[in-house]
Amino acid sequence: MEFVNVWFILIAVLWIGYFVLDGFDLGVGILLPILGRDDLRRRVMINAIGPVWDGNEVWLLVAGGATFAAFPLWYATMFSGFYLAFFVLLLALILRGVAFEYRSKEDSQSWRNRWDIAIFIGSALPAFLFGVAFGNVIGGSPIEPLPGTDAANAANFNYAGNFFDLLNPFSIAVGLMTLLIFTTHGAIFLALKTSGEVRESARSLIYKIGPLAAVVAVVALLWAQSFSERVAITLPMVLVAALAWLGAIWLTRAGRDGWAFVLSSTTILLAVAALFVGLFPNVMVSSIDSAFNLTIDNASSAGYTLTVMTWVAVIMTPIVVIYQGWTYWVFRKRISTSMIPDQPMAGRSDDRFVSTK
């Protein structure tokens, strides 16, 4: 297998890992004002993701770095064309991280409420905008050569649209899909990671938003088949993803929270994999002319660069995965309101790292 194919697959795996792991983090943040009826419940929810949320975002950093190194023309075209949307997305992610650290700096309910709003905004915006970005990559963006340049050279390709071109019907549908799927995925994680009233509230919410997320996801993913070059492969993947999602809802009702989380993660895995399979060998589709598509061949780095990157990935990836798996194992126990102090410890970054051993 050629290294360009290897790195396309690795980037797909990185995005799958990010959406599965940080997807439930974003979902918990979205649910903070919905399930967190008082400060004690909100602190339980933050404790549930406290030890892992920043580690989960490493997958996003690596996915971006891998794209820059392996497919620099893809990175340059996408980040320049989607600049404003990505700026808002990154600003929201920064706001969320700051909010986690600062919400307990003062012993004031109004202070914490403001930071909780920041956590909600910093979770909901990325959950939606990631879908919008993927919708434009898959469904097509106005890409064309710069005037007066060689139209056969991908280095001359340029995004010719504006911010509002990103908000087309298909990309909005994919954005709503990721927003609802991540929200439900977060509720399923809370059902797995908490006990007591937070768990019961999360389980109740899954029955309400889970079916709605399924409907929106089926519409968006079936719509994506119109852009797929491998419908015979991607359509069965979408159907299995839908069955896995329904299975996750059913297992939640049966009290099998662990298996429900496995199936909701499987749904995200199959949905994202189907999008990448349908996109291959393109990495970015031009809505102007297919001759201006960015592909794994015309957008990739030199062979030597890909060779060195592959050896680094072979050595470092298992280390990162083992370390992150160990973190989840250490903080594997459920959290309840009885484990949270009555008042947060003012002056500390947060009291979210409650021992669960």
Protein backbone atom coordinates (compact mmCIF):
# COMPACT_ATOMS: atom_id res chain seq x y z
CA MET A 1 0.00 0.00 0.00
CA GLU A 2 1.34 3.44 -0.90
CA PHE A 3 2.05 5.90 1.90
CA VAL A 4 -0.55 8.40 0.60
CA ASN A 5 -3.22 5.73 1.13
CA VAL A 6 -1.81 4.90 4.56
CA TRP A 7 -1.98 8.51 5.68
CA PHE A 8 -5.47 9.04 4.33
CA ILE A 9 -6.55 6.06 6.45
CA LEU A 10 -4.62 7.30 9.48
CA ILE A 11 -6.20 10.76 9.26
CA ALA A 12 -9.63 9.11 9.03
CA VAL A 13 -8.78 7.05 12.14
CA LEU A 14 -7.69 10.19 13.99
CA TRP A 15 -10.95 11.95 13.20
CA ILE A 16 -12.93 8.88 14.22
CA GLY A 17 -11.03 8.78 17.52
CA TYR A 18 -11.64 12.48 18.10
CA PHE A 19 -15.36 12.33 17.37
CA VAL A 20 -15.85 9.24 19.54
CA LEU A 21 -13.87 10.59 22.50
CA ASP A 22 -14.30 14.35 22.45
CA GLY A 23 -17.80 13.81 21.07
CA PHE A 24 -19.08 12.79 24.49
CA ASP A 25 -17.11 15.64 26.11
CA LEU A 26 -18.89 18.11 23.86
CA GLY A 27 -22.18 16.37 24.57
CA VAL A 28 -21.72 16.69 28.33
CA GLY A 29 -20.93 20.39 27.91
CA ILE A 30 -24.09 20.88 25.84
CA LEU A 31 -26.14 19.09 28.49
CA LEU A 32 -24.67 21.08 31.39
CA PRO A 33 -27.57 23.60 31.62
CA ILE A 34 -30.15 20.91 30.73
CA LEU A 35 -29.28 18.14 33.18
CA GLY A 36 -27.37 20.33 35.66
CA ARG A 37 -30.35 21.69 37.55
CA ASP A 38 -28.14 22.85 40.41
CA ASP A 39 -24.45 23.48 40.94
CA LEU A 40 -23.89 20.11 42.61
CA ARG A 41 -25.17 18.19 39.57
CA ARG A 42 -23.14 20.36 37.22
CA ARG A 43 -20.02 19.58 39.19
CA VAL A 44 -20.80 15.86 38.95
CA MET A 45 -21.03 16.23 35.16
CA ILE A 46 -17.75 18.16 35.00
CA ASN A 47 -16.08 15.56 37.21
CA ALA A 48 -17.24 12.86 34.79
CA ILE A 49 -15.13 14.30 31.97
CA GLY A 50 -12.59 16.25 34.03
CA PRO A 51 -9.69 13.76 33.91
CA VAL A 52 -10.03 13.00 30.18
CA TRP A 53 -11.42 15.92 28.19
CA ASP A 54 -8.08 17.63 27.50
CA GLY A 55 -6.46 14.31 26.56
CA ASN A 56 -9.29 13.65 24.13
CA GLU A 57 -8.54 16.90 22.32
CA VAL A 58 -5.06 15.60 21.51
CA TRP A 59 -6.74 13.59 18.74
CA LEU A 60 -7.85 16.85 17.12
CA LEU A 61 -4.37 18.36 17.34
CA VAL A 62 -2.78 15.26 15.85
CA ALA A 63 -5.40 15.09 13.07
CA GLY A 64 -4.68 18.71 12.15
CA GLY A 65 -0.92 18.19 12.34
CA ALA A 66 -1.08 15.00 10.28
CA THR A 67 -3.15 16.76 7.61
CA PHE A 68 -0.64 19.63 7.48
CA ALA A 69 2.34 17.28 7.15
CA ALA A 70 0.89 14.58 4.89
CA PHE A 71 -1.43 16.66 2.67
CA PRO A 72 -0.27 20.30 2.88
CA LEU A 73 -2.36 21.47 -0.08
CA TRP A 74 -5.49 20.01 1.53
CA TYR A 75 -4.63 21.78 4.78
CA ALA A 76 -3.86 25.09 3.04
CA THR A 77 -7.02 25.12 0.91
CA MET A 78 -9.34 24.02 3.71
CA PHE A 79 -7.96 26.26 6.45
CA SER A 80 -7.78 29.32 4.22
CA GLY A 81 -11.25 28.76 2.78
CA PHE A 82 -12.87 27.88 6.11
CA TYR A 83 -10.80 30.43 8.02
CA LEU A 84 -13.59 32.35 9.73
CA ALA A 85 -15.53 29.20 10.64
CA PHE A 86 -12.39 27.55 12.04
CA PHE A 87 -11.54 30.73 13.94
CA VAL A 88 -14.94 30.66 15.65
CA LEU A 89 -14.57 26.92 16.30
CA LEU A 90 -11.11 27.26 17.88
CA LEU A 91 -12.23 30.28 19.90
CA ALA A 92 -15.12 28.20 21.26
CA LEU A 93 -12.79 25.33 22.18
CA ILE A 94 -10.44 27.75 23.95
CA LEU A 95 -13.40 29.30 25.79
CA ARG A 96 -14.50 25.85 26.97
CA GLY A 97 -11.04 24.97 28.28
CA VAL A 98 -10.71 28.29 30.12
CA ALA A 99 -14.19 27.84 31.61
CA PHE A 100 -13.28 24.43 33.06
CA GLU A 101 -10.26 25.97 34.77
CA TYR A 102 -11.87 29.17 36.03
CA ARG A 103 -15.41 28.23 37.11
CA SER A 104 -14.33 27.49 40.70
CA LYS A 105 -11.81 30.29 41.07
CA GLU A 106 -14.35 32.31 43.07
CA ASP A 107 -16.91 31.10 45.59
CA SER A 108 -19.77 32.81 43.78
CA GLN A 109 -22.76 31.16 42.13
CA SER A 110 -23.13 33.94 39.55
CA TRP A 111 -19.44 33.55 38.67
CA ARG A 112 -19.87 29.80 38.12
CA ASN A 113 -23.09 30.32 36.16
CA ARG A 114 -21.33 32.58 33.67
CA TRP A 115 -18.58 30.03 33.12
CA ASP A 116 -21.17 27.27 32.75
CA ILE A 117 -22.73 29.27 29.92
CA ALA A 118 -19.25 29.49 28.38
CA ILE A 119 -18.90 25.69 28.63
CA PHE A 120 -22.25 25.26 26.86
CA ILE A 121 -21.33 27.68 24.05
CA GLY A 122 -17.82 26.22 23.79
CA SER A 123 -19.33 22.76 23.34
CA ALA A 124 -22.37 23.42 21.15
CA LEU A 125 -20.59 25.57 18.54
CA PRO A 126 -17.80 23.05 17.79
CA ALA A 127 -20.30 20.17 17.74
CA PHE A 128 -22.21 21.98 14.98
CA LEU A 129 -19.28 23.53 13.09
CA PHE A 130 -17.34 20.28 12.78
CA GLY A 131 -20.31 18.86 10.88
CA VAL A 132 -20.58 21.96 8.72
CA ALA A 133 -16.89 21.68 7.81
CA PHE A 134 -17.16 18.00 6.91
CA GLY A 135 -20.30 18.71 4.89
CA ASN A 136 -18.39 21.18 2.75
CA VAL A 137 -15.40 18.86 2.31
CA ILE A 138 -17.64 16.01 1.15
CA GLY A 139 -20.44 17.88 -0.62
CA GLY A 140 -18.13 20.23 -2.47
CA SER A 141 -16.69 23.72 -2.07
CA PRO A 142 -16.02 26.42 -4.69
CA ILE A 143 -12.41 25.52 -5.50
CA GLU A 144 -10.73 26.75 -8.68
CA PRO A 145 -7.22 27.73 -9.87
CA LEU A 146 -6.02 31.23 -9.27
CA PRO A 147 -6.46 33.40 -12.40
CA GLY A 148 -3.55 33.19 -14.80
CA THR A 149 -2.05 30.06 -13.23
CA ASP A 150 -1.62 26.50 -14.40
CA ALA A 151 -5.00 24.82 -13.93
CA ALA A 152 -3.35 21.39 -13.79
CA ASN A 153 -1.23 22.25 -10.75
CA ALA A 154 -3.08 21.69 -7.47
CA ALA A 155 -0.75 24.17 -5.75
CA ASN A 156 -2.64 26.90 -7.62
CA PHE A 157 -6.08 25.79 -6.40
CA ASN A 158 -7.90 28.30 -4.24
CA TYR A 159 -11.16 28.51 -2.29
CA ALA A 160 -13.31 30.98 -4.21
CA GLY A 161 -16.29 31.28 -1.84
CA ASN A 162 -17.07 33.14 1.37
CA PHE A 163 -18.28 32.29 4.87
CA PHE A 164 -21.94 32.09 3.88
CA ASP A 165 -21.17 29.60 1.11
CA LEU A 166 -20.26 27.20 3.89
CA LEU A 167 -23.81 27.35 5.27
CA ASN A 168 -25.45 25.36 2.48
CA PRO A 169 -28.35 22.94 3.15
CA PHE A 170 -26.23 19.77 3.10
CA SER A 171 -23.53 21.11 5.44
CA ILE A 172 -26.19 22.40 7.85
CA ALA A 173 -27.81 18.95 7.84
CA VAL A 174 -24.44 17.35 8.69
CA GLY A 175 -23.88 19.99 11.36
CA LEU A 176 -27.25 19.24 12.98
CA MET A 177 -26.39 15.55 12.81
CA THR A 178 -23.11 15.97 14.69
CA LEU A 179 -24.75 18.31 17.21
CA LEU A 180 -27.54 15.84 18.07
CA ILE A 181 -25.35 12.74 17.90
CA PHE A 182 -22.72 14.24 20.22
CA THR A 183 -25.41 15.44 22.62
CA THR A 184 -26.93 11.96 22.83
CA HIS A 185 -23.47 10.37 23.00
CA GLY A 186 -22.71 12.63 25.97
CA ALA A 187 -25.92 11.57 27.71
CA ILE A 188 -25.03 7.91 27.15
CA PHE A 189 -21.59 8.56 28.65
CA LEU A 190 -23.16 10.26 31.69
CA ALA A 191 -25.45 7.24 32.16
CA LEU A 192 -22.31 5.08 32.18
CA LYS A 193 -20.12 7.34 34.32
CA THR A 194 -22.53 8.65 36.97
CA SER A 195 -25.07 7.31 39.43
CA GLY A 196 -28.10 8.70 41.17
CA GLU A 197 -30.20 11.56 39.85
CA VAL A 198 -27.71 12.62 37.16
CA ARG A 199 -27.71 9.12 35.67
CA GLU A 200 -31.50 8.87 35.73
CA SER A 201 -31.90 12.30 34.12
CA ALA A 202 -29.41 11.36 31.41
CA ARG A 203 -31.21 8.07 30.71
CA SER A 204 -34.53 9.88 30.41
CA LEU A 205 -33.05 12.39 27.97
CA ILE A 206 -31.61 9.65 25.76
CA TYR A 207 -35.11 8.36 25.04
CA LYS A 208 -36.18 11.85 23.95
CA ILE A 209 -33.29 13.09 21.79
CA GLY A 210 -31.92 9.71 20.66
CA PRO A 211 -34.71 9.06 18.11
CA LEU A 212 -34.50 12.66 16.83
CA ALA A 213 -30.74 12.30 16.38
CA ALA A 214 -31.36 9.04 14.49
CA VAL A 215 -33.78 10.71 12.06
CA VAL A 216 -31.47 13.65 11.35
CA ALA A 217 -28.44 11.35 10.99
CA VAL A 218 -30.23 9.04 8.54
CA VAL A 219 -31.29 12.03 6.42
CA ALA A 220 -27.77 13.54 6.41
CA LEU A 221 -25.96 10.25 5.77
CA LEU A 222 -28.33 9.15 3.01
CA TRP A 223 -27.95 12.59 1.46
CA ALA A 224 -24.17 12.08 1.63
CA GLN A 225 -24.57 8.99 -0.55
CA SER A 226 -25.34 11.28 -3.50
CA PHE A 227 -21.72 12.49 -3.24
CA SER A 228 -20.18 9.08 -2.56
CA GLU A 229 -18.15 7.25 -5.19
CA ARG A 230 -18.63 3.92 -3.39
CA VAL A 231 -22.30 3.66 -2.49
CA ALA A 232 -22.12 -0.14 -2.53
CA ILE A 233 -19.75 0.10 0.44
CA THR A 234 -20.90 3.24 2.25
CA LEU A 235 -24.65 2.56 2.22
CA PRO A 236 -24.36 -0.73 4.19
CA MET A 237 -22.07 1.10 6.64
CA VAL A 238 -24.73 3.75 7.15
CA LEU A 239 -27.45 1.14 7.69
CA VAL A 240 -25.34 -0.74 10.25
CA ALA A 241 -24.60 2.58 12.00
CA ALA A 242 -28.34 3.24 12.24
CA LEU A 243 -28.95 -0.22 13.73
CA ALA A 244 -26.13 0.32 16.23
CA TRP A 245 -27.69 3.61 17.29
CA LEU A 246 -31.10 2.03 17.87
CA GLY A 247 -29.34 -0.74 19.79
CA ALA A 248 -27.65 1.86 22.01
CA ILE A 249 -31.03 3.40 22.89
CA TRP A 250 -32.53 -0.03 23.60
CA LEU A 251 -29.60 -1.10 25.79
CA THR A 252 -29.88 2.15 27.75
CA ARG A 253 -33.47 1.24 28.56
CA ALA A 254 -32.26 -2.22 29.61
CA GLY A 255 -29.67 -0.67 31.94
CA ARG A 256 -26.67 -1.94 29.94
CA ASP A 257 -24.87 1.39 29.94
CA GLY A 258 -21.45 0.04 28.96
CA TRP A 259 -22.73 -1.73 25.86
CA ALA A 260 -24.91 1.26 25.00
CA PHE A 261 -21.78 3.43 24.97
CA VAL A 262 -19.95 0.86 22.81
CA LEU A 263 -22.78 0.92 20.26
CA SER A 264 -23.08 4.72 20.19
CA SER A 265 -19.31 4.85 19.64
CA THR A 266 -19.71 2.26 16.87
CA THR A 267 -22.32 4.47 15.23
CA ILE A 268 -19.93 7.42 15.15
CA LEU A 269 -17.10 5.18 13.91
CA LEU A 270 -19.15 3.81 11.02
CA ALA A 271 -20.69 7.17 10.09
CA VAL A 272 -17.33 8.96 9.89
CA ALA A 273 -15.70 6.00 8.16
CA ALA A 274 -18.49 6.00 5.56
CA LEU A 275 -17.87 9.69 4.86
CA PHE A 276 -14.14 9.10 4.32
CA VAL A 277 -14.71 5.99 2.19
CA GLY A 278 -17.14 7.94 0.02
CA LEU A 279 -14.64 10.80 -0.29
CA PHE A 280 -11.61 8.68 -1.32
CA PRO A 281 -9.45 9.25 -3.36
CA ASN A 282 -10.42 12.91 -3.03
CA VAL A 283 -9.57 14.89 0.06
CA MET A 284 -11.59 17.95 -0.96
CA VAL A 285 -14.21 18.17 -3.68
CA SER A 286 -14.65 21.17 -5.99
CA SER A 287 -18.24 22.20 -6.64
CA ILE A 288 -17.07 24.13 -9.72
CA ASP A 289 -15.36 21.35 -11.69
CA SER A 290 -14.25 17.86 -10.69
CA ALA A 291 -10.95 18.58 -12.46
CA PHE A 292 -10.18 20.91 -9.55
CA ASN A 293 -10.68 18.25 -6.86
CA LEU A 294 -7.86 17.86 -4.39
CA THR A 295 -6.84 14.20 -4.22
CA ILE A 296 -4.45 12.10 -2.18
CA ASP A 297 -2.02 12.30 -5.10
CA ASN A 298 -2.00 15.98 -6.04
CA ALA A 299 -2.27 17.29 -2.46
CA SER A 300 0.28 15.07 -0.71
CA SER A 301 3.79 15.68 0.59
CA ALA A 302 6.89 14.10 -0.91
CA GLY A 303 7.46 10.38 -0.45
CA TYR A 304 10.40 10.87 1.93
CA THR A 305 8.28 13.04 4.24
CA LEU A 306 5.54 10.40 4.35
CA THR A 307 8.10 7.67 5.04
CA VAL A 308 9.57 9.50 8.05
CA MET A 309 6.08 10.32 9.35
CA THR A 310 5.05 6.69 9.08
CA TRP A 311 7.95 5.48 11.23
CA VAL A 312 7.22 8.15 13.85
CA ALA A 313 3.55 7.13 13.90
CA VAL A 314 4.42 3.43 14.25
CA ILE A 315 6.54 4.19 17.34
CA MET A 316 4.51 6.91 19.06
CA THR A 317 0.88 5.96 18.39
CA PRO A 318 0.85 2.82 20.61
CA ILE A 319 2.43 4.83 23.46
CA VAL A 320 -0.25 7.53 23.27
CA VAL A 321 -3.09 4.99 23.03
CA ILE A 322 -1.78 2.95 26.00
CA TYR A 323 -1.35 6.05 28.14
CA GLN A 324 -4.82 7.33 27.34
CA GLY A 325 -6.32 3.89 27.98
CA TRP A 326 -4.58 3.83 31.38
CA THR A 327 -6.15 7.20 32.22
CA TYR A 328 -9.63 5.89 31.48
CA TRP A 329 -8.91 2.79 33.60
CA VAL A 330 -7.80 4.83 36.61
CA PHE A 331 -10.91 7.02 36.48
CA ARG A 332 -13.32 4.24 35.57
CA LYS A 333 -15.67 4.32 38.58
CA ARG A 334 -19.04 6.05 38.62
CA ILE A 335 -19.46 9.49 40.18
CA SER A 336 -22.43 10.69 42.24
CA THR A 337 -23.43 13.83 44.12
CA SER A 338 -22.41 12.16 47.41
CA MET A 339 -18.78 12.19 46.25
CA ILE A 340 -18.70 15.96 45.58
CA PRO A 341 -17.92 18.44 48.40
CA ASP A 342 -20.79 20.75 49.33
CA GLN A 343 -18.79 23.75 48.14
CA PRO A 344 -16.08 23.96 45.47
CA MET A 345 -12.61 24.88 46.67
CA ALA A 346 -12.19 28.51 45.73
CA GLY A 347 -8.78 29.45 44.43
CA ARG A 348 -8.12 26.07 42.81
CA SER A 349 -8.43 25.48 39.08
CA ASP A 350 -11.45 23.27 39.80
CA ASP A 351 -12.53 20.41 42.04
CA ARG A 352 -13.37 18.22 39.08
CA PHE A 353 -10.62 15.63 39.66
CA VAL A 354 -12.43 13.75 42.39
CA SER A 355 -10.82 10.41 43.17
CA THR A 356 -12.86 7.52 41.79
CA LYS A 357 -10.59 4.68 42.80
